[in-house]
C-alpha atoms as a PDB file:
ATOM      1  CA  MET A   1       0.477  -0.087  -0.305  1.00  0.00           C
ATOM      2  CA  ALA A   2       1.903   3.471  -0.674  1.00  0.00           C
ATOM      3  CA  PHE A   3      -0.350   5.705   1.382  1.00  0.00           C
ATOM      4  CA  THR A   4       0.035   5.633   5.505  1.00  0.00           C
ATOM      5  CA  GLU A   5      -1.998   7.713   7.481  1.00  0.00           C
ATOM      6  CA  ILE A   6      -0.175  10.541   9.571  1.00  0.00           C
ATOM      7  CA  ASN A   7      -3.660  11.598  11.144  1.00  0.00           C
ATOM      8  CA  SER A   8      -7.068  12.460   9.850  1.00  0.00           C
ATOM      9  CA  LYS A   9      -6.307  15.039   8.016  1.00  0.00           C
ATOM     10  CA  MET A  10      -2.625  14.186   6.507  1.00  0.00           C
ATOM     11  CA  ILE A  11      -1.663  11.191   4.645  1.00  0.00           C
ATOM     12  CA  GLN A  12       1.791  10.284   3.627  1.00  0.00           C
ATOM     13  CA  ALA A  13       2.928   8.533   0.515  1.00  0.00           C
ATOM     14  CA  THR A  14       5.878   6.158  -0.091  1.00  0.00           C
ATOM     15  CA  VAL A  15       7.218   6.885  -3.399  1.00  0.00           C
ATOM     16  CA  MET A  16       9.451   4.195  -5.470  1.00  0.00           C
ATOM     17  CA  PRO A  17      11.874   4.035  -8.852  1.00  0.00           C
ATOM     18  CA  GLY A  18       9.837   3.119 -11.802  1.00  0.00           C
ATOM     19  CA  GLN A  19       6.344   3.509 -10.289  1.00  0.00           C
ATOM     20  CA  ARG A  20       4.254   6.909 -10.169  1.00  0.00           C
ATOM     21  CA  LEU A  21       1.653   8.481  -8.199  1.00  0.00           C
ATOM     22  CA  TYR A  22      -1.255  11.216  -8.988  1.00  0.00           C
ATOM     23  CA  SER A  23      -2.292  13.438  -6.705  1.00  0.00           C
ATOM     24  CA  GLN A  24      -4.612  17.204  -6.726  1.00  0.00           C
ATOM     25  CA  ARG A  25      -2.812  19.768  -8.203  1.00  0.00           C
ATOM     26  CA  GLY A  26      -1.460  22.054  -4.575  1.00  0.00           C
ATOM     27  CA  ALA A  27      -2.112  18.835  -2.604  1.00  0.00           C
ATOM     28  CA  MET A  28       1.615  18.137  -1.608  1.00  0.00           C
ATOM     29  CA  LEU A  29       2.322  19.718   1.877  1.00  0.00           C
ATOM     30  CA  ALA A  30       6.353  18.405   2.289  1.00  0.00           C
ATOM     31  CA  TYR A  31       8.564  15.742   0.910  1.00  0.00           C
ATOM     32  CA  LYS A  32      11.889  13.873   1.372  1.00  0.00           C
ATOM     33  CA  GLY A  33      14.202  12.276  -1.180  1.00  0.00           C
ATOM     34  CA  ASP A  34      14.393  12.687  -5.319  1.00  0.00           C
ATOM     35  CA  ILE A  35      11.116  13.592  -5.986  1.00  0.00           C
ATOM     36  CA  SER A  36       9.123  15.206  -9.024  1.00  0.00           C
ATOM     37  CA  PHE A  37       5.999  16.866  -9.672  1.00  0.00           C
ATOM     38  CA  THR A  38       4.863  16.903 -13.404  1.00  0.00           C
ATOM     39  CA  PRO A  39       1.338  19.116 -14.235  1.00  0.00           C
ATOM     40  CA  ASN A  40      -0.513  16.026 -16.258  1.00  0.00           C
ATOM     41  CA  ILE A  41      -2.595  17.056 -19.022  1.00  0.00           C
ATOM     42  CA  GLN A  42      -4.016  13.928 -19.978  1.00  0.00           C
ATOM     43  CA  GLY A  43      -6.227  13.009 -16.586  1.00  0.00           C
ATOM     44  CA  GLY A  44      -4.086   9.964 -15.124  1.00  0.00           C
ATOM     45  CA  GLN A  45      -4.167   6.575 -16.522  1.00  0.00           C
ATOM     46  CA  GLY A  46      -7.679   7.325 -18.442  1.00  0.00           C
ATOM     47  CA  GLY A  47      -5.204   8.771 -21.535  1.00  0.00           C
ATOM     48  CA  VAL A  48      -6.840  11.429 -23.611  1.00  0.00           C
ATOM     49  CA  MET A  49     -10.556  10.318 -23.577  1.00  0.00           C
ATOM     50  CA  SER A  50     -10.692  10.661 -20.131  1.00  0.00           C
ATOM     51  CA  MET A  51      -9.257  14.154 -20.268  1.00  0.00           C
ATOM     52  CA  ILE A  52     -11.602  15.150 -23.396  1.00  0.00           C
ATOM     53  CA  GLY A  53     -15.032  13.489 -21.254  1.00  0.00           C
ATOM     54  CA  ARG A  54     -14.746  15.806 -18.377  1.00  0.00           C
ATOM     55  CA  ARG A  55     -13.399  18.878 -20.508  1.00  0.00           C
ATOM     56  CA  VAL A  56     -16.915  18.727 -22.609  1.00  0.00           C
ATOM     57  CA  ALA A  57     -18.680  18.703 -19.196  1.00  0.00           C
ATOM     58  CA  ASN A  58     -16.010  21.471 -17.721  1.00  0.00           C
ATOM     59  CA  GLU A  59     -15.592  18.879 -14.392  1.00  0.00           C
ATOM     60  CA  ALA A  60     -11.823  18.412 -14.754  1.00  0.00           C
ATOM     61  CA  THR A  61     -10.039  18.450 -11.627  1.00  0.00           C
ATOM     62  CA  PRO A  62      -5.880  18.682 -12.300  1.00  0.00           C
ATOM     63  CA  LEU A  63      -3.667  16.578 -11.594  1.00  0.00           C
ATOM     64  CA  MET A  64       0.087  16.202 -10.737  1.00  0.00           C
ATOM     65  CA  THR A  65       2.582  13.277 -11.735  1.00  0.00           C
ATOM     66  CA  VAL A  66       4.412  12.104  -8.937  1.00  0.00           C
ATOM     67  CA  GLU A  67       7.738  10.239  -9.632  1.00  0.00           C
ATOM     68  CA  GLY A  68      10.789   8.930  -8.143  1.00  0.00           C
ATOM     69  CA  SER A  69      12.644   8.007  -4.675  1.00  0.00           C
ATOM     70  CA  GLY A  70      11.279   9.289  -1.104  1.00  0.00           C
ATOM     71  CA  THR A  71       8.078  10.359   0.697  1.00  0.00           C
ATOM     72  CA  VAL A  72       5.754  12.599   0.195  1.00  0.00           C
ATOM     73  CA  MET A  73       2.948  14.221   2.997  1.00  0.00           C
ATOM     74  CA  PHE A  74      -0.650  15.404   1.377  1.00  0.00           C
ATOM     75  CA  GLY A  75      -3.418  16.908   2.440  1.00  0.00           C
ATOM     76  CA  HIS A  76      -5.443  19.530   1.225  1.00  0.00           C
ATOM     77  CA  GLY A  77      -7.758  22.490   2.314  1.00  0.00           C
ATOM     78  CA  GLY A  78      -8.257  20.810   6.043  1.00  0.00           C
ATOM     79  CA  HIS A  79     -10.350  18.009   4.752  1.00  0.00           C
ATOM     80  CA  HIS A  80     -10.850  14.660   6.228  1.00  0.00           C
ATOM     81  CA  ILE A  81      -8.820  12.165   4.419  1.00  0.00           C
ATOM     82  CA  GLN A  82     -10.034   8.289   3.728  1.00  0.00           C
ATOM     83  CA  ILE A  83      -7.615   5.627   2.206  1.00  0.00           C
ATOM     84  CA  ILE A  84      -9.574   2.823  -0.043  1.00  0.00           C
ATOM     85  CA  ASN A  85      -7.243   0.293  -1.559  1.00  0.00           C
ATOM     86  CA  LEU A  86      -9.030  -1.534  -4.511  1.00  0.00           C
ATOM     87  CA  THR A  87      -8.358  -5.467  -5.314  1.00  0.00           C
ATOM     88  CA  GLY A  88      -9.632  -5.489  -8.740  1.00  0.00           C
ATOM     89  CA  ASP A  89     -12.848  -3.417  -8.226  1.00  0.00           C
ATOM     90  CA  THR A  90     -14.164  -0.285  -9.856  1.00  0.00           C
ATOM     91  CA  LEU A  91     -14.088   3.113  -7.400  1.00  0.00           C
ATOM     92  CA  TYR A  92     -16.859   5.689  -8.300  1.00  0.00           C
ATOM     93  CA  VAL A  93     -15.526   8.674  -7.257  1.00  0.00           C
ATOM     94  CA  GLU A  94     -16.509  12.282  -7.862  1.00  0.00           C
ATOM     95  CA  ALA A  95     -13.177  13.749  -9.392  1.00  0.00           C
ATOM     96  CA  ASP A  96     -12.821  16.434  -6.723  1.00  0.00           C
ATOM     97  CA  ARG A  97     -12.736  14.281  -3.811  1.00  0.00           C
ATOM     98  CA  LEU A  98      -9.654  12.628  -5.267  1.00  0.00           C
ATOM     99  CA  LEU A  99      -6.765  13.606  -3.269  1.00  0.00           C
ATOM    100  CA  ALA A 100      -4.050  11.051  -4.976  1.00  0.00           C
ATOM    101  CA  PHE A 101      -4.239   7.618  -6.054  1.00  0.00           C
ATOM    102  CA  GLU A 102      -1.324   4.935  -7.249  1.00  0.00           C
ATOM    103  CA  GLY A 103      -0.493   4.780 -11.063  1.00  0.00           C
ATOM    104  CA  THR A 104      -1.109   1.260 -10.612  1.00  0.00           C
ATOM    105  CA  LEU A 105      -4.877   2.034 -11.235  1.00  0.00           C
ATOM    106  CA  GLN A 106      -6.990   2.683 -14.656  1.00  0.00           C
ATOM    107  CA  GLN A 107      -8.140   6.407 -14.464  1.00  0.00           C
ATOM    108  CA  GLY A 108     -11.469   6.772 -16.509  1.00  0.00           C
ATOM    109  CA  THR A 109     -15.237   8.367 -16.782  1.00  0.00           C
ATOM    110  CA  MET A 110     -18.455   7.629 -16.663  1.00  0.00           C
ATOM    111  CA  PHE A 111     -21.195   8.898 -17.868  1.00  0.00           C
ATOM    112  CA  MET A 112     -23.642   9.294 -14.648  1.00  0.00           C
ATOM    113  CA  GLY A 113     -27.051   8.418 -17.053  1.00  0.00           C
ATOM    114  CA  SER A 114     -25.476   4.718 -17.707  1.00  0.00           C
ATOM    115  CA  GLN A 115     -25.805   4.074 -14.000  1.00  0.00           C
ATOM    116  CA  GLY A 116     -29.947   5.171 -13.230  1.00  0.00           C
ATOM    117  CA  GLY A 117     -30.900   6.271 -17.258  1.00  0.00           C
ATOM    118  CA  VAL A 118     -32.654   9.575 -16.805  1.00  0.00           C
ATOM    119  CA  MET A 119     -32.320   9.881 -12.639  1.00  0.00           C
ATOM    120  CA  GLY A 120     -28.756   9.579 -13.481  1.00  0.00           C
ATOM    121  CA  MET A 121     -28.421  12.693 -15.568  1.00  0.00           C
ATOM    122  CA  VAL A 122     -30.941  14.293 -12.942  1.00  0.00           C
ATOM    123  CA  ARG A 123     -28.630  13.391  -9.607  1.00  0.00           C
ATOM    124  CA  GLY A 124     -26.149  15.112 -11.559  1.00  0.00           C
ATOM    125  CA  GLN A 125     -27.555  18.248 -11.869  1.00  0.00           C
ATOM    126  CA  VAL A 126     -29.661  18.235  -8.586  1.00  0.00           C
ATOM    127  CA  THR A 127     -26.773  17.189  -6.159  1.00  0.00           C
ATOM    128  CA  GLY A 128     -24.257  19.579  -7.666  1.00  0.00           C
ATOM    129  CA  GLN A 129     -22.175  16.385  -8.430  1.00  0.00           C
ATOM    130  CA  GLY A 130     -21.775  16.408 -11.994  1.00  0.00           C
ATOM    131  CA  LEU A 131     -22.860  14.627 -15.479  1.00  0.00           C
ATOM    132  CA  PHE A 132     -19.906  12.637 -15.086  1.00  0.00           C
ATOM    133  CA  THR A 133     -17.777  10.804 -12.665  1.00  0.00           C
ATOM    134  CA  THR A 134     -14.356   9.742 -12.172  1.00  0.00           C
ATOM    135  CA  THR A 135     -13.931   5.914 -12.324  1.00  0.00           C
ATOM    136  CA  LEU A 136     -10.718   3.974 -10.956  1.00  0.00           C
ATOM    137  CA  GLN A 137      -9.999   0.503 -11.778  1.00  0.00           C
ATOM    138  CA  GLY A 138      -7.480  -2.326 -10.792  1.00  0.00           C
ATOM    139  CA  GLN A 139      -4.988  -3.185  -7.740  1.00  0.00           C
ATOM    140  CA  GLY A 140      -3.871  -0.082  -5.815  1.00  0.00           C
ATOM    141  CA  SER A 141      -4.625   2.344  -2.852  1.00  0.00           C
ATOM    142  CA  VAL A 142      -6.762   5.592  -3.341  1.00  0.00           C
ATOM    143  CA  ALA A 143      -6.896   8.668  -1.185  1.00  0.00           C
ATOM    144  CA  VAL A 144     -10.681  10.577  -0.806  1.00  0.00           C
ATOM    145  CA  MET A 145     -11.694  13.544   0.946  1.00  0.00           C
ATOM    146  CA  ALA A 146     -14.498  14.390   2.793  1.00  0.00           C
ATOM    147  CA  HIS A 147     -16.000  16.869   5.476  1.00  0.00           C
ATOM    148  CA  GLY A 148     -15.831  14.987   8.827  1.00  0.00           C
ATOM    149  CA  GLY A 149     -14.595  11.859   8.022  1.00  0.00           C
ATOM    150  CA  VAL A 150     -16.118   8.944   6.201  1.00  0.00           C
ATOM    151  CA  PHE A 151     -17.830   5.511   7.071  1.00  0.00           C
ATOM    152  CA  GLU A 152     -18.129   2.716   4.626  1.00  0.00           C
ATOM    153  CA  VAL A 153     -21.546   1.421   4.367  1.00  0.00           C
ATOM    154  CA  PRO A 154     -21.960  -2.450   3.256  1.00  0.00           C
ATOM    155  CA  ILE A 155     -24.482  -2.861   0.424  1.00  0.00           C
ATOM    156  CA  THR A 156     -25.560  -6.399   0.017  1.00  0.00           C
ATOM    157  CA  PRO A 157     -28.080  -8.147  -2.694  1.00  0.00           C
ATOM    158  CA  GLY A 158     -32.087  -7.444  -1.771  1.00  0.00           C
ATOM    159  CA  ARG A 159     -30.716  -4.371   1.171  1.00  0.00           C
ATOM    160  CA  PRO A 160     -30.659  -1.273  -0.643  1.00  0.00           C
ATOM    161  CA  VAL A 161     -28.704   1.674   0.806  1.00  0.00           C
ATOM    162  CA  HIS A 162     -30.738   5.197   0.888  1.00  0.00           C
ATOM    163  CA  VAL A 163     -28.224   7.890   0.945  1.00  0.00           C
ATOM    164  CA  ASP A 164     -28.103  11.340   1.121  1.00  0.00           C
ATOM    165  CA  PRO A 165     -27.234  13.249  -1.529  1.00  0.00           C
ATOM    166  CA  GLN A 166     -24.727  15.767  -0.472  1.00  0.00           C
ATOM    167  CA  ALA A 167     -22.966  12.923   1.723  1.00  0.00           C
ATOM    168  CA  TYR A 168     -22.289  10.789  -0.849  1.00  0.00           C
ATOM    169  CA  VAL A 169     -18.262  10.369  -1.394  1.00  0.00           C
ATOM    170  CA  ALA A 170     -17.710   7.293  -3.445  1.00  0.00           C
ATOM    171  CA  HIS A 171     -18.712   3.784  -3.979  1.00  0.00           C
ATOM    172  CA  HIS A 172     -17.459   1.160  -5.257  1.00  0.00           C
ATOM    173  CA  GLY A 173     -18.589  -3.148  -6.325  1.00  0.00           C
ATOM    174  CA  ASP A 174     -21.433  -4.224  -8.703  1.00  0.00           C
ATOM    175  CA  VAL A 175     -23.672  -1.559  -7.658  1.00  0.00           C
ATOM    176  CA  ARG A 176     -26.602   0.187  -9.177  1.00  0.00           C
ATOM    177  CA  ASN A 177     -27.237   3.871  -8.366  1.00  0.00           C
ATOM    178  CA  LYS A 178     -30.862   6.046  -8.896  1.00  0.00           C
ATOM    179  CA  LEU A 179     -32.217   9.159  -7.410  1.00  0.00           C
ATOM    180  CA  SER A 180     -35.607   8.858  -6.024  1.00  0.00           C
ATOM    181  CA  ALA A 181     -38.211  11.576  -4.462  1.00  0.00           C
ATOM    182  CA  ALA A 182     -38.528  11.501  -0.840  1.00  0.00           C
ATOM    183  CA  LEU A 183     -41.700  13.135   0.193  1.00  0.00           C
ATOM    184  CA  GLY A 184     -41.392  14.273   3.735  1.00  0.00           C
ATOM    185  CA  TRP A 185     -37.924  12.154   4.323  1.00  0.00           C
ATOM    186  CA  ARG A 186     -35.899  15.163   4.587  1.00  0.00           C
ATOM    187  CA  GLU A 187     -37.879  16.521   6.534  1.00  0.00           C
ATOM    188  CA  MET A 188     -37.865  14.288   9.246  1.00  0.00           C
ATOM    189  CA  VAL A 189     -34.108  12.419   9.055  1.00  0.00           C
ATOM    190  CA  GLY A 190     -32.181  14.670   6.787  1.00  0.00           C
ATOM    191  CA  ARG A 191     -30.569  17.937   7.251  1.00  0.00           C
ATOM    192  CA  GLY A 192     -29.977  19.221   3.167  1.00  0.00           C
ATOM    193  CA  SER A 193     -30.218  22.106   1.538  1.00  0.00           C
ATOM    194  CA  GLY A 194     -33.734  21.589   0.567  1.00  0.00           C
ATOM    195  CA  GLU A 195     -34.327  19.153  -2.042  1.00  0.00           C
ATOM    196  CA  ALA A 196     -35.999  16.451  -1.372  1.00  0.00           C
ATOM    197  CA  PHE A 197     -34.291  13.177  -2.874  1.00  0.00           C
ATOM    198  CA  GLN A 198     -32.699  10.117  -1.520  1.00  0.00           C
ATOM    199  CA  LEU A 199     -29.491   8.176  -3.752  1.00  0.00           C
ATOM    200  CA  GLU A 200     -30.501   4.326  -3.578  1.00  0.00           C
ATOM    201  CA  LEU A 201     -27.966   2.130  -4.026  1.00  0.00           C
ATOM    202  CA  SER A 202     -28.391  -1.546  -4.769  1.00  0.00           C
ATOM    203  CA  GLY A 203     -26.545  -4.544  -5.328  1.00  0.00           C
ATOM    204  CA  ASN A 204     -23.112  -5.740  -3.775  1.00  0.00           C
ATOM    205  CA  GLY A 205     -20.226  -3.283  -2.678  1.00  0.00           C
ATOM    206  CA  ALA A 206     -20.118  -0.489  -0.309  1.00  0.00           C
ATOM    207  CA  VAL A 207     -20.670   3.120  -0.093  1.00  0.00           C
ATOM    208  CA  TYR A 208     -18.630   5.903   1.625  1.00  0.00           C
ATOM    209  CA  VAL A 209     -20.706   8.450   3.265  1.00  0.00           C
ATOM    210  CA  GLN A 210     -18.729  11.521   5.081  1.00  0.00           C
ATOM    211  CA  ALA A 211     -20.281  12.967   8.210  1.00  0.00           C
ATOM    212  CA  SER A 212     -21.614  15.760   7.021  1.00  0.00           C
ATOM    213  CA  GLU A 213     -23.760  17.341   4.181  1.00  0.00           C
ATOM    214  CA  GLU A 214     -21.137  20.433   2.591  1.00  0.00           C
ATOM    215  CA  LYS A 215     -19.781  20.547  -0.447  1.00  0.00           C
ATOM    216  CA  LEU A 216     -16.330  20.758  -1.443  1.00  0.00           C
END
């Protein structure tokens, strides 16, 4: 695993020759060793098509390529950081939530309408999370940011999980999502900004939820 936790808002990454990491620009706090930081214009391992998909939606998050030999400390805006380890599956995460990830992971872009059809598009517009989301697939570690910390909620067949859309951070596994109206739900148990919607995730996997309804 490339990342280790220093505290809830800082992580340390080990960089080795022949390997690379990607991070948000401006996320480096300090480093030791012979490390280079290069602006990445192709959006990580996803290449040009991934970049174009995000540029069309004006949702690209600038990345740095981190290479060399040494250790780097990352953090951003005082946000809480969660390390997620992938073992071959796919993580779906909003681009602005990404702090850093290993170069062994394949980055792509998914149109939200492909999960939940038209309601997937509505979700992007209503929640402000965008019509596209970033995918990371393979073996490696990802560091994501959130307000107030993150907790993981398992999703099992026949037992969907309902999440306030503003509290959603990411999910992985064989999961379908859809946005549904929840008349009275937010007024009774939610604490959001007014749209009476909830995000329903079903299938087999897990969803990561932040302990806040603030956007980054």
